[in-house]
Amino acid sequence: MAGSKEIRNKIKSVQSTRKITKAMEMVAASKMKKAQDRMRAGRPYVERAFAIAMHIGKANTEYRHPFLVKRETVKRVGVVVVTTDKGLCGGLNTNVLRLATQRFKEWREAGIEVDFVAVGSKGLGFLNRMGTNIVSSVVQLGDRPRLERLVGAVKVLMDEYLEGRIDEIHIFSTNFVNTMKQEPRQVRVVPVPEEYRTAAGELRTSGVSDGAWDYIYEPDARELLDGMMRRYMEAVIFQMVNENIASEQSARMVAMKAASDNAGKIIDELQLIYNKTRQAGITKELSEIVGGAAAV
């Protein structure tokens, strides 16, 4: 059994760790509310952008934007993987990277090549270790991501799609459900899908048949659709990052609370062991004193 001094040192060490995890829990809780507010504020805009993009895909128009045209064969895809820059947030990054890895293996088995864009340090490090083809990356976005930093990294995939070098663009990120639940999600954003899943998990379609929806374009369809599709992509990417940040802060708060509770249990167990060791030492000393007096 360890000595009293060693047990005291262990107790002090665990107490120091608990102070750190408790502080991180409080910081994550304060950031979580702001991150959730930003995330919820962007959801209506993104869902409406999705709906308009799908309606345009069904419309009668003299100009078909490349983002609306589904290609017959898929030989190469572009993938955006959204993760965090920091750890200590439970299985948040592990779950989304596991989903991305699974799909990556399926694409490779089907003979489809993959170009990756990494958003977040954890995803970038993981993709580098896997030896994947990373065409661009962006890290250290902070708690309030800025759209102009994201656009440059994602524009690489958009340009490749417009030039015909890739045939689809997918996003892997974490969807915020509630404070206790965050789900990894894969979304195909280009070509524009015929249905999409809302943040609440509801599956929606455009609700119109081919040619049943029409728009009047002023000045012309090409100029307006180019701008609309660009804004659509920017909105989706930006919202995915905001969802991931809200999920990160929630997961970190829960993980740090669990760590603090576990540290408290360990301290109680060590304190009990220390008391038993100290009591045994005192009993031994008393026995020696009584034995010595009896001998005299």
C-alpha atoms as a PDB file:
ATOM      1  CA  MET A   1       0.000   0.000   0.000  1.00  0.00           C
ATOM      2  CA  ALA A   2       1.247   3.501  -0.837  1.00  0.00           C
ATOM      3  CA  GLY A   3       2.495   5.692   1.976  1.00  0.00           C
ATOM      4  CA  SER A   4       0.565   8.625   3.417  1.00  0.00           C
ATOM      5  CA  LYS A   5       2.792  11.172   1.679  1.00  0.00           C
ATOM      6  CA  GLU A   6       2.278   9.581  -1.751  1.00  0.00           C
ATOM      7  CA  ILE A   7      -1.497   9.504  -1.256  1.00  0.00           C
ATOM      8  CA  ARG A   8      -1.508  13.183  -0.201  1.00  0.00           C
ATOM      9  CA  ASN A   9       0.426  14.073  -3.364  1.00  0.00           C
ATOM     10  CA  LYS A  10      -2.062  12.157  -5.507  1.00  0.00           C
ATOM     11  CA  ILE A  11      -4.983  13.956  -3.857  1.00  0.00           C
ATOM     12  CA  LYS A  12      -3.377  17.347  -4.513  1.00  0.00           C
ATOM     13  CA  SER A  13      -2.710  16.403  -8.129  1.00  0.00           C
ATOM     14  CA  VAL A  14      -6.318  15.324  -8.744  1.00  0.00           C
ATOM     15  CA  GLN A  15      -7.617  18.446  -7.001  1.00  0.00           C
ATOM     16  CA  SER A  16      -5.524  20.603  -9.336  1.00  0.00           C
ATOM     17  CA  THR A  17      -6.885  18.728 -12.339  1.00  0.00           C
ATOM     18  CA  ARG A  18     -10.455  19.202 -11.107  1.00  0.00           C
ATOM     19  CA  LYS A  19      -9.917  22.953 -10.799  1.00  0.00           C
ATOM     20  CA  ILE A  20      -8.799  23.057 -14.440  1.00  0.00           C
ATOM     21  CA  THR A  21     -11.699  20.953 -15.746  1.00  0.00           C
ATOM     22  CA  LYS A  22     -14.201  22.974 -13.690  1.00  0.00           C
ATOM     23  CA  ALA A  23     -12.838  26.219 -15.131  1.00  0.00           C
ATOM     24  CA  MET A  24     -13.003  24.812 -18.675  1.00  0.00           C
ATOM     25  CA  GLU A  25     -16.586  23.689 -18.050  1.00  0.00           C
ATOM     26  CA  MET A  26     -17.599  27.212 -16.999  1.00  0.00           C
ATOM     27  CA  VAL A  27     -15.831  28.805 -19.984  1.00  0.00           C
ATOM     28  CA  ALA A  28     -17.494  26.369 -22.408  1.00  0.00           C
ATOM     29  CA  ALA A  29     -20.900  27.045 -20.829  1.00  0.00           C
ATOM     30  CA  SER A  30     -20.489  30.798 -21.326  1.00  0.00           C
ATOM     31  CA  LYS A  31     -19.407  30.373 -24.958  1.00  0.00           C
ATOM     32  CA  MET A  32     -22.074  27.763 -25.690  1.00  0.00           C
ATOM     33  CA  LYS A  33     -25.030  30.166 -25.386  1.00  0.00           C
ATOM     34  CA  LYS A  34     -23.535  32.673 -27.832  1.00  0.00           C
ATOM     35  CA  ALA A  35     -22.564  29.940 -30.283  1.00  0.00           C
ATOM     36  CA  GLN A  36     -26.062  28.449 -30.174  1.00  0.00           C
ATOM     37  CA  ASP A  37     -27.645  31.866 -30.775  1.00  0.00           C
ATOM     38  CA  ARG A  38     -25.470  32.430 -33.867  1.00  0.00           C
ATOM     39  CA  MET A  39     -26.209  28.936 -35.130  1.00  0.00           C
ATOM     40  CA  ARG A  40     -29.990  29.229 -34.695  1.00  0.00           C
ATOM     41  CA  ALA A  41     -30.038  32.685 -36.292  1.00  0.00           C
ATOM     42  CA  GLY A  42     -28.531  31.292 -39.498  1.00  0.00           C
ATOM     43  CA  ARG A  43     -30.769  28.244 -39.918  1.00  0.00           C
ATOM     44  CA  PRO A  44     -33.790  29.970 -41.550  1.00  0.00           C
ATOM     45  CA  TYR A  45     -31.558  31.672 -44.127  1.00  0.00           C
ATOM     46  CA  VAL A  46     -29.792  28.448 -45.093  1.00  0.00           C
ATOM     47  CA  GLU A  47     -33.014  26.435 -45.324  1.00  0.00           C
ATOM     48  CA  ARG A  48     -34.547  29.130 -47.537  1.00  0.00           C
ATOM     49  CA  ALA A  49     -31.411  29.213 -49.703  1.00  0.00           C
ATOM     50  CA  PHE A  50     -31.709  25.428 -50.092  1.00  0.00           C
ATOM     51  CA  ALA A  51     -35.364  25.723 -51.099  1.00  0.00           C
ATOM     52  CA  ILE A  52     -34.718  28.475 -53.665  1.00  0.00           C
ATOM     53  CA  ALA A  53     -31.802  26.532 -55.150  1.00  0.00           C
ATOM     54  CA  MET A  54     -34.013  23.448 -55.528  1.00  0.00           C
ATOM     55  CA  HIS A  55     -36.811  25.510 -57.088  1.00  0.00           C
ATOM     56  CA  ILE A  56     -34.364  26.998 -59.578  1.00  0.00           C
ATOM     57  CA  GLY A  57     -33.244  23.474 -60.440  1.00  0.00           C
ATOM     58  CA  LYS A  58     -36.840  22.623 -61.414  1.00  0.00           C
ATOM     59  CA  ALA A  59     -37.501  25.879 -63.258  1.00  0.00           C
ATOM     60  CA  ASN A  60     -37.767  26.592 -66.975  1.00  0.00           C
ATOM     61  CA  THR A  61     -34.783  28.739 -67.856  1.00  0.00           C
ATOM     62  CA  GLU A  62     -32.581  29.339 -70.852  1.00  0.00           C
ATOM     63  CA  TYR A  63     -29.475  28.980 -68.691  1.00  0.00           C
ATOM     64  CA  ARG A  64     -28.651  25.953 -66.530  1.00  0.00           C
ATOM     65  CA  HIS A  65     -26.040  26.689 -63.903  1.00  0.00           C
ATOM     66  CA  PRO A  66     -23.448  23.876 -63.524  1.00  0.00           C
ATOM     67  CA  PHE A  67     -24.371  23.528 -59.828  1.00  0.00           C
ATOM     68  CA  LEU A  68     -27.865  22.458 -60.912  1.00  0.00           C
ATOM     69  CA  VAL A  69     -26.785  19.797 -63.417  1.00  0.00           C
ATOM     70  CA  LYS A  70     -26.238  16.262 -62.116  1.00  0.00           C
ATOM     71  CA  ARG A  71     -23.475  14.452 -63.999  1.00  0.00           C
ATOM     72  CA  GLU A  72     -24.045  10.964 -65.338  1.00  0.00           C
ATOM     73  CA  THR A  73     -20.842   9.428 -63.990  1.00  0.00           C
ATOM     74  CA  VAL A  74     -18.945  10.366 -60.841  1.00  0.00           C
ATOM     75  CA  LYS A  75     -15.192   9.895 -61.157  1.00  0.00           C
ATOM     76  CA  ARG A  76     -13.926  12.354 -58.573  1.00  0.00           C
ATOM     77  CA  VAL A  77     -15.560  14.091 -55.605  1.00  0.00           C
ATOM     78  CA  GLY A  78     -14.628  17.014 -53.408  1.00  0.00           C
ATOM     79  CA  VAL A  79     -15.098  16.703 -49.639  1.00  0.00           C
ATOM     80  CA  VAL A  80     -15.130  19.393 -46.959  1.00  0.00           C
ATOM     81  CA  VAL A  81     -14.416  17.978 -43.481  1.00  0.00           C
ATOM     82  CA  VAL A  82     -15.384  20.329 -40.629  1.00  0.00           C
ATOM     83  CA  THR A  83     -13.761  19.649 -37.255  1.00  0.00           C
ATOM     84  CA  THR A  84     -12.563  21.664 -34.265  1.00  0.00           C
ATOM     85  CA  ASP A  85      -9.205  23.332 -33.656  1.00  0.00           C
ATOM     86  CA  LYS A  86      -9.041  22.161 -30.034  1.00  0.00           C
ATOM     87  CA  GLY A  87      -9.667  18.875 -28.286  1.00  0.00           C
ATOM     88  CA  LEU A  88     -11.270  17.913 -24.973  1.00  0.00           C
ATOM     89  CA  CYS A  89     -14.746  17.806 -26.506  1.00  0.00           C
ATOM     90  CA  GLY A  90     -15.603  14.131 -26.143  1.00  0.00           C
ATOM     91  CA  GLY A  91     -16.150  12.070 -29.275  1.00  0.00           C
ATOM     92  CA  LEU A  92     -17.223  15.014 -31.437  1.00  0.00           C
ATOM     93  CA  ASN A  93     -14.323  14.894 -33.898  1.00  0.00           C
ATOM     94  CA  THR A  94     -13.981  11.110 -33.727  1.00  0.00           C
ATOM     95  CA  ASN A  95     -17.577  10.575 -34.874  1.00  0.00           C
ATOM     96  CA  VAL A  96     -17.419  12.884 -37.896  1.00  0.00           C
ATOM     97  CA  LEU A  97     -13.969  11.600 -38.934  1.00  0.00           C
ATOM     98  CA  ARG A  98     -15.190   8.010 -38.640  1.00  0.00           C
ATOM     99  CA  LEU A  99     -18.102   8.829 -40.967  1.00  0.00           C
ATOM    100  CA  ALA A 100     -15.782  10.574 -43.444  1.00  0.00           C
ATOM    101  CA  THR A 101     -13.330   7.653 -43.358  1.00  0.00           C
ATOM    102  CA  GLN A 102     -16.096   5.150 -44.027  1.00  0.00           C
ATOM    103  CA  ARG A 103     -17.359   7.065 -47.057  1.00  0.00           C
ATOM    104  CA  PHE A 104     -13.778   7.592 -48.272  1.00  0.00           C
ATOM    105  CA  LYS A 105     -13.186   3.836 -48.272  1.00  0.00           C
ATOM    106  CA  GLU A 106     -16.452   3.245 -50.148  1.00  0.00           C
ATOM    107  CA  TRP A 107     -15.476   5.799 -52.810  1.00  0.00           C
ATOM    108  CA  ARG A 108     -12.029   4.263 -53.230  1.00  0.00           C
ATOM    109  CA  GLU A 109     -13.506   0.782 -53.609  1.00  0.00           C
ATOM    110  CA  ALA A 110     -15.787   2.174 -56.321  1.00  0.00           C
ATOM    111  CA  GLY A 111     -12.782   3.711 -58.125  1.00  0.00           C
ATOM    112  CA  ILE A 112     -13.723   7.308 -57.226  1.00  0.00           C
ATOM    113  CA  GLU A 113     -10.909   9.711 -56.320  1.00  0.00           C
ATOM    114  CA  VAL A 114     -11.375  12.239 -53.516  1.00  0.00           C
ATOM    115  CA  ASP A 115     -10.056  15.778 -52.950  1.00  0.00           C
ATOM    116  CA  PHE A 116     -10.277  17.039 -49.372  1.00  0.00           C
ATOM    117  CA  VAL A 117     -10.665  20.493 -47.835  1.00  0.00           C
ATOM    118  CA  ALA A 118      -9.942  20.505 -44.094  1.00  0.00           C
ATOM    119  CA  VAL A 119     -11.678  23.027 -41.830  1.00  0.00           C
ATOM    120  CA  GLY A 120     -10.157  22.755 -38.361  1.00  0.00           C
ATOM    121  CA  SER A 121      -6.810  21.548 -37.024  1.00  0.00           C
ATOM    122  CA  LYS A 122      -8.045  18.148 -35.846  1.00  0.00           C
ATOM    123  CA  GLY A 123      -9.377  17.206 -39.265  1.00  0.00           C
ATOM    124  CA  LEU A 124      -6.275  18.530 -41.025  1.00  0.00           C
ATOM    125  CA  GLY A 125      -3.967  16.448 -38.840  1.00  0.00           C
ATOM    126  CA  PHE A 126      -6.091  13.323 -39.305  1.00  0.00           C
ATOM    127  CA  LEU A 127      -6.260  13.679 -43.100  1.00  0.00           C
ATOM    128  CA  ASN A 128      -2.506  14.251 -43.261  1.00  0.00           C
ATOM    129  CA  ARG A 129      -1.880  11.061 -41.289  1.00  0.00           C
ATOM    130  CA  MET A 130      -4.166   9.166 -43.684  1.00  0.00           C
ATOM    131  CA  GLY A 131      -2.176  10.432 -46.654  1.00  0.00           C
ATOM    132  CA  THR A 132      -5.210  11.892 -48.441  1.00  0.00           C
ATOM    133  CA  ASN A 133      -5.107  14.532 -51.172  1.00  0.00           C
ATOM    134  CA  ILE A 134      -5.709  17.842 -49.342  1.00  0.00           C
ATOM    135  CA  VAL A 135      -6.211  20.685 -51.817  1.00  0.00           C
ATOM    136  CA  SER A 136      -6.762  23.451 -49.223  1.00  0.00           C
ATOM    137  CA  SER A 137      -7.345  24.002 -45.525  1.00  0.00           C
ATOM    138  CA  VAL A 138      -8.291  26.661 -42.999  1.00  0.00           C
ATOM    139  CA  VAL A 139      -7.572  26.481 -39.263  1.00  0.00           C
ATOM    140  CA  GLN A 140      -7.791  28.664 -36.154  1.00  0.00           C
ATOM    141  CA  LEU A 141     -11.192  30.140 -36.988  1.00  0.00           C
ATOM    142  CA  GLY A 142     -11.867  31.048 -33.359  1.00  0.00           C
ATOM    143  CA  ASP A 143     -15.245  31.215 -31.646  1.00  0.00           C
ATOM    144  CA  ARG A 144     -16.696  33.620 -34.230  1.00  0.00           C
ATOM    145  CA  PRO A 145     -15.775  32.363 -37.719  1.00  0.00           C
ATOM    146  CA  ARG A 146     -15.513  34.897 -40.527  1.00  0.00           C
ATOM    147  CA  LEU A 147     -16.938  34.046 -43.915  1.00  0.00           C
ATOM    148  CA  GLU A 148     -14.079  35.585 -45.885  1.00  0.00           C
ATOM    149  CA  ARG A 149     -11.624  33.098 -44.366  1.00  0.00           C
ATOM    150  CA  LEU A 150     -13.813  30.130 -45.308  1.00  0.00           C
ATOM    151  CA  VAL A 151     -14.579  31.230 -48.857  1.00  0.00           C
ATOM    152  CA  GLY A 152     -10.987  31.002 -50.064  1.00  0.00           C
ATOM    153  CA  ALA A 153     -10.560  27.396 -48.954  1.00  0.00           C
ATOM    154  CA  VAL A 154     -13.899  26.185 -50.323  1.00  0.00           C
ATOM    155  CA  LYS A 155     -13.567  28.148 -53.580  1.00  0.00           C
ATOM    156  CA  VAL A 156     -10.872  25.674 -54.635  1.00  0.00           C
ATOM    157  CA  LEU A 157     -13.483  22.914 -54.821  1.00  0.00           C
ATOM    158  CA  MET A 158     -16.033  25.205 -56.488  1.00  0.00           C
ATOM    159  CA  ASP A 159     -13.535  26.090 -59.214  1.00  0.00           C
ATOM    160  CA  GLU A 160     -12.635  22.420 -59.714  1.00  0.00           C
ATOM    161  CA  TYR A 161     -16.320  21.579 -60.120  1.00  0.00           C
ATOM    162  CA  LEU A 162     -16.913  24.372 -62.628  1.00  0.00           C
ATOM    163  CA  GLU A 163     -13.854  23.218 -64.607  1.00  0.00           C
ATOM    164  CA  GLY A 164     -15.157  19.632 -64.643  1.00  0.00           C
ATOM    165  CA  ARG A 165     -12.352  18.108 -62.584  1.00  0.00           C
ATOM    166  CA  ILE A 166     -14.706  16.918 -59.818  1.00  0.00           C
ATOM    167  CA  ASP A 167     -18.321  15.784 -60.136  1.00  0.00           C
ATOM    168  CA  GLU A 168     -19.764  16.268 -56.624  1.00  0.00           C
ATOM    169  CA  ILE A 169     -19.079  18.269 -53.453  1.00  0.00           C
ATOM    170  CA  HIS A 170     -19.907  16.812 -50.037  1.00  0.00           C
ATOM    171  CA  ILE A 171     -19.643  18.271 -46.537  1.00  0.00           C
ATOM    172  CA  PHE A 172     -18.972  16.225 -43.402  1.00  0.00           C
ATOM    173  CA  SER A 173     -19.721  18.096 -40.181  1.00  0.00           C
ATOM    174  CA  THR A 174     -21.509  17.805 -36.837  1.00  0.00           C
ATOM    175  CA  ASN A 175     -25.149  18.834 -36.599  1.00  0.00           C
ATOM    176  CA  PHE A 176     -26.319  20.377 -33.330  1.00  0.00           C
ATOM    177  CA  VAL A 177     -29.448  18.654 -31.967  1.00  0.00           C
ATOM    178  CA  ASN A 178     -29.378  19.761 -28.348  1.00  0.00           C
ATOM    179  CA  THR A 179     -26.861  20.336 -25.574  1.00  0.00           C
ATOM    180  CA  MET A 180     -26.547  16.616 -24.876  1.00  0.00           C
ATOM    181  CA  LYS A 181     -26.710  15.332 -28.456  1.00  0.00           C
ATOM    182  CA  GLN A 182     -24.677  16.164 -31.561  1.00  0.00           C
ATOM    183  CA  GLU A 183     -24.812  14.048 -34.717  1.00  0.00           C
ATOM    184  CA  PRO A 184     -22.242  13.647 -37.525  1.00  0.00           C
ATOM    185  CA  ARG A 185     -23.784  14.401 -40.904  1.00  0.00           C
ATOM    186  CA  GLN A 186     -22.912  14.088 -44.581  1.00  0.00           C
ATOM    187  CA  VAL A 187     -24.546  16.541 -47.000  1.00  0.00           C
ATOM    188  CA  ARG A 188     -24.148  16.713 -50.767  1.00  0.00           C
ATOM    189  CA  VAL A 189     -24.320  20.397 -51.666  1.00  0.00           C
ATOM    190  CA  VAL A 190     -23.305  20.265 -55.358  1.00  0.00           C
ATOM    191  CA  PRO A 191     -25.048  19.405 -57.559  1.00  0.00           C
ATOM    192  CA  VAL A 192     -28.020  20.832 -55.666  1.00  0.00           C
ATOM    193  CA  PRO A 193     -29.943  17.861 -54.210  1.00  0.00           C
ATOM    194  CA  GLU A 194     -33.633  17.281 -54.821  1.00  0.00           C
ATOM    195  CA  GLU A 195     -34.243  17.010 -51.083  1.00  0.00           C
ATOM    196  CA  TYR A 196     -32.569  18.205 -47.924  1.00  0.00           C
ATOM    197  CA  ARG A 197     -32.750  17.505 -44.215  1.00  0.00           C
ATOM    198  CA  THR A 198     -33.518  20.391 -41.886  1.00  0.00           C
ATOM    199  CA  ALA A 199     -31.680  20.993 -38.618  1.00  0.00           C
ATOM    200  CA  ALA A 200     -34.568  19.301 -36.804  1.00  0.00           C
ATOM    201  CA  GLY A 201     -34.025  16.177 -38.913  1.00  0.00           C
ATOM    202  CA  GLU A 202     -37.082  16.662 -41.129  1.00  0.00           C
ATOM    203  CA  LEU A 203     -36.618  15.590 -44.752  1.00  0.00           C
ATOM    204  CA  ARG A 204     -37.968  18.138 -47.238  1.00  0.00           C
ATOM    205  CA  THR A 205     -38.264  18.222 -51.010  1.00  0.00           C
ATOM    206  CA  SER A 206     -38.790  21.060 -53.457  1.00  0.00           C
ATOM    207  CA  GLY A 207     -42.469  20.144 -53.764  1.00  0.00           C
ATOM    208  CA  VAL A 208     -42.604  20.974 -57.474  1.00  0.00           C
ATOM    209  CA  SER A 209     -42.153  18.936 -60.638  1.00  0.00           C
ATOM    210  CA  ASP A 210     -39.763  19.680 -63.488  1.00  0.00           C
ATOM    211  CA  GLY A 211     -40.754  22.830 -65.328  1.00  0.00           C
ATOM    212  CA  ALA A 212     -43.532  23.689 -62.867  1.00  0.00           C
ATOM    213  CA  TRP A 213     -41.602  26.554 -61.246  1.00  0.00           C
ATOM    214  CA  ASP A 214     -40.559  29.641 -63.114  1.00  0.00           C
ATOM    215  CA  TYR A 215     -38.721  32.873 -62.396  1.00  0.00           C
ATOM    216  CA  ILE A 216     -38.442  36.202 -64.179  1.00  0.00           C
ATOM    217  CA  TYR A 217     -34.760  37.145 -64.373  1.00  0.00           C
ATOM    218  CA  GLU A 218     -33.607  40.758 -64.529  1.00  0.00           C
ATOM    219  CA  PRO A 219     -31.118  41.579 -66.001  1.00  0.00           C
ATOM    220  CA  ASP A 220     -30.386  37.997 -67.117  1.00  0.00           C
ATOM    221  CA  ALA A 221     -30.421  34.432 -65.805  1.00  0.00           C
ATOM    222  CA  ARG A 222     -26.664  33.822 -66.021  1.00  0.00           C
ATOM    223  CA  GLU A 223     -25.669  36.791 -63.860  1.00  0.00           C
ATOM    224  CA  LEU A 224     -28.329  36.167 -61.217  1.00  0.00           C
ATOM    225  CA  LEU A 225     -27.834  32.412 -61.025  1.00  0.00           C
ATOM    226  CA  ASP A 226     -24.057  32.741 -60.741  1.00  0.00           C
ATOM    227  CA  GLY A 227     -24.516  35.063 -57.767  1.00  0.00           C
ATOM    228  CA  MET A 228     -27.278  32.979 -56.235  1.00  0.00           C
ATOM    229  CA  MET A 229     -25.324  29.710 -56.418  1.00  0.00           C
ATOM    230  CA  ARG A 230     -22.243  31.354 -54.966  1.00  0.00           C
ATOM    231  CA  ARG A 231     -24.244  32.732 -52.026  1.00  0.00           C
ATOM    232  CA  TYR A 232     -25.910  29.350 -51.590  1.00  0.00           C
ATOM    233  CA  MET A 233     -22.540  27.608 -51.215  1.00  0.00           C
ATOM    234  CA  GLU A 234     -21.189  30.271 -48.858  1.00  0.00           C
ATOM    235  CA  ALA A 235     -24.311  30.097 -46.671  1.00  0.00           C
ATOM    236  CA  VAL A 236     -24.193  26.311 -46.399  1.00  0.00           C
ATOM    237  CA  ILE A 237     -20.482  26.188 -45.520  1.00  0.00           C
ATOM    238  CA  PHE A 238     -20.774  29.030 -43.004  1.00  0.00           C
ATOM    239  CA  GLN A 239     -23.779  27.445 -41.308  1.00  0.00           C
ATOM    240  CA  MET A 240     -22.063  24.051 -41.106  1.00  0.00           C
ATOM    241  CA  VAL A 241     -19.121  25.678 -39.308  1.00  0.00           C
ATOM    242  CA  ASN A 242     -21.457  27.499 -36.896  1.00  0.00           C
ATOM    243  CA  GLU A 243     -23.280  24.230 -36.176  1.00  0.00           C
ATOM    244  CA  ASN A 244     -19.929  22.585 -35.474  1.00  0.00           C
ATOM    245  CA  ILE A 245     -18.837  25.358 -33.094  1.00  0.00           C
ATOM    246  CA  ALA A 246     -22.101  25.158 -31.145  1.00  0.00           C
ATOM    247  CA  SER A 247     -21.687  21.381 -30.956  1.00  0.00           C
ATOM    248  CA  GLU A 248     -18.066  21.781 -29.842  1.00  0.00           C
ATOM    249  CA  GLN A 249     -18.882  24.067 -26.911  1.00  0.00           C
ATOM    250  CA  SER A 250     -21.784  21.857 -25.798  1.00  0.00           C
ATOM    251  CA  ALA A 251     -19.705  18.682 -26.036  1.00  0.00           C
ATOM    252  CA  ARG A 252     -16.786  20.312 -24.195  1.00  0.00           C
ATOM    253  CA  MET A 253     -19.041  21.510 -21.382  1.00  0.00           C
ATOM    254  CA  VAL A 254     -20.514  18.013 -20.937  1.00  0.00           C
ATOM    255  CA  ALA A 255     -17.086  16.355 -21.160  1.00  0.00           C
ATOM    256  CA  MET A 256     -15.506  18.714 -18.631  1.00  0.00           C
ATOM    257  CA  LYS A 257     -18.431  18.295 -16.231  1.00  0.00           C
ATOM    258  CA  ALA A 258     -18.011  14.517 -16.441  1.00  0.00           C
ATOM    259  CA  ALA A 259     -14.265  14.912 -15.848  1.00  0.00           C
ATOM    260  CA  SER A 260     -14.869  17.133 -12.806  1.00  0.00           C
ATOM    261  CA  ASP A 261     -17.382  14.650 -11.356  1.00  0.00           C
ATOM    262  CA  ASN A 262     -14.973  11.750 -11.896  1.00  0.00           C
ATOM    263  CA  ALA A 263     -12.164  13.709 -10.266  1.00  0.00           C
ATOM    264  CA  GLY A 264     -14.378  14.274  -7.221  1.00  0.00           C
ATOM    265  CA  LYS A 265     -15.048  10.548  -6.939  1.00  0.00           C
ATOM    266  CA  ILE A 266     -11.327   9.760  -7.205  1.00  0.00           C
ATOM    267  CA  ILE A 267     -10.549  12.314  -4.471  1.00  0.00           C
ATOM    268  CA  ASP A 268     -13.119  10.721  -2.161  1.00  0.00           C
ATOM    269  CA  GLU A 269     -11.638   7.257  -2.765  1.00  0.00           C
ATOM    270  CA  LEU A 270      -8.075   8.496  -2.189  1.00  0.00           C
ATOM    271  CA  GLN A 271      -9.161  10.325   0.972  1.00  0.00           C
ATOM    272  CA  LEU A 272     -10.697   7.096   2.314  1.00  0.00           C
ATOM    273  CA  ILE A 273      -7.488   5.180   1.547  1.00  0.00           C
ATOM    274  CA  TYR A 274      -5.426   7.927   3.211  1.00  0.00           C
ATOM    275  CA  ASN A 275      -7.564   7.800   6.361  1.00  0.00           C
ATOM    276  CA  LYS A 276      -7.262   4.017   6.540  1.00  0.00           C
ATOM    277  CA  THR A 277      -3.485   4.186   6.069  1.00  0.00           C
ATOM    278  CA  ARG A 278      -3.154   6.893   8.717  1.00  0.00           C
ATOM    279  CA  GLN A 279      -5.355   4.966  11.146  1.00  0.00           C
ATOM    280  CA  ALA A 280      -3.303   1.812  10.591  1.00  0.00           C
ATOM    281  CA  GLY A 281      -0.104   3.736  11.288  1.00  0.00           C
ATOM    282  CA  ILE A 282      -1.465   5.217  14.514  1.00  0.00           C
ATOM    283  CA  THR A 283      -2.708   1.789  15.664  1.00  0.00           C
ATOM    284  CA  LYS A 284       0.722   0.276  14.986  1.00  0.00           C
ATOM    285  CA  GLU A 285       2.480   3.008  16.970  1.00  0.00           C
ATOM    286  CA  LEU A 286       0.097   2.572  19.912  1.00  0.00           C
ATOM    287  CA  SER A 287       0.664  -1.181  19.861  1.00  0.00           C
ATOM    288  CA  GLU A 288       4.426  -0.666  19.957  1.00  0.00           C
ATOM    289  CA  ILE A 289       4.117   1.747  22.895  1.00  0.00           C
ATOM    290  CA  VAL A 290       1.835  -0.611  24.838  1.00  0.00           C
ATOM    291  CA  GLY A 291       4.127  -3.589  24.071  1.00  0.00           C
ATOM    292  CA  GLY A 292       7.201  -1.681  25.222  1.00  0.00           C
ATOM    293  CA  ALA A 293       5.517  -0.601  28.495  1.00  0.00           C
ATOM    294  CA  ALA A 294       4.431  -4.178  29.199  1.00  0.00           C
ATOM    295  CA  ALA A 295       7.956  -5.449  28.641  1.00  0.00           C
ATOM    296  CA  VAL A 296       9.347  -2.942  31.124  1.00  0.00           C
END
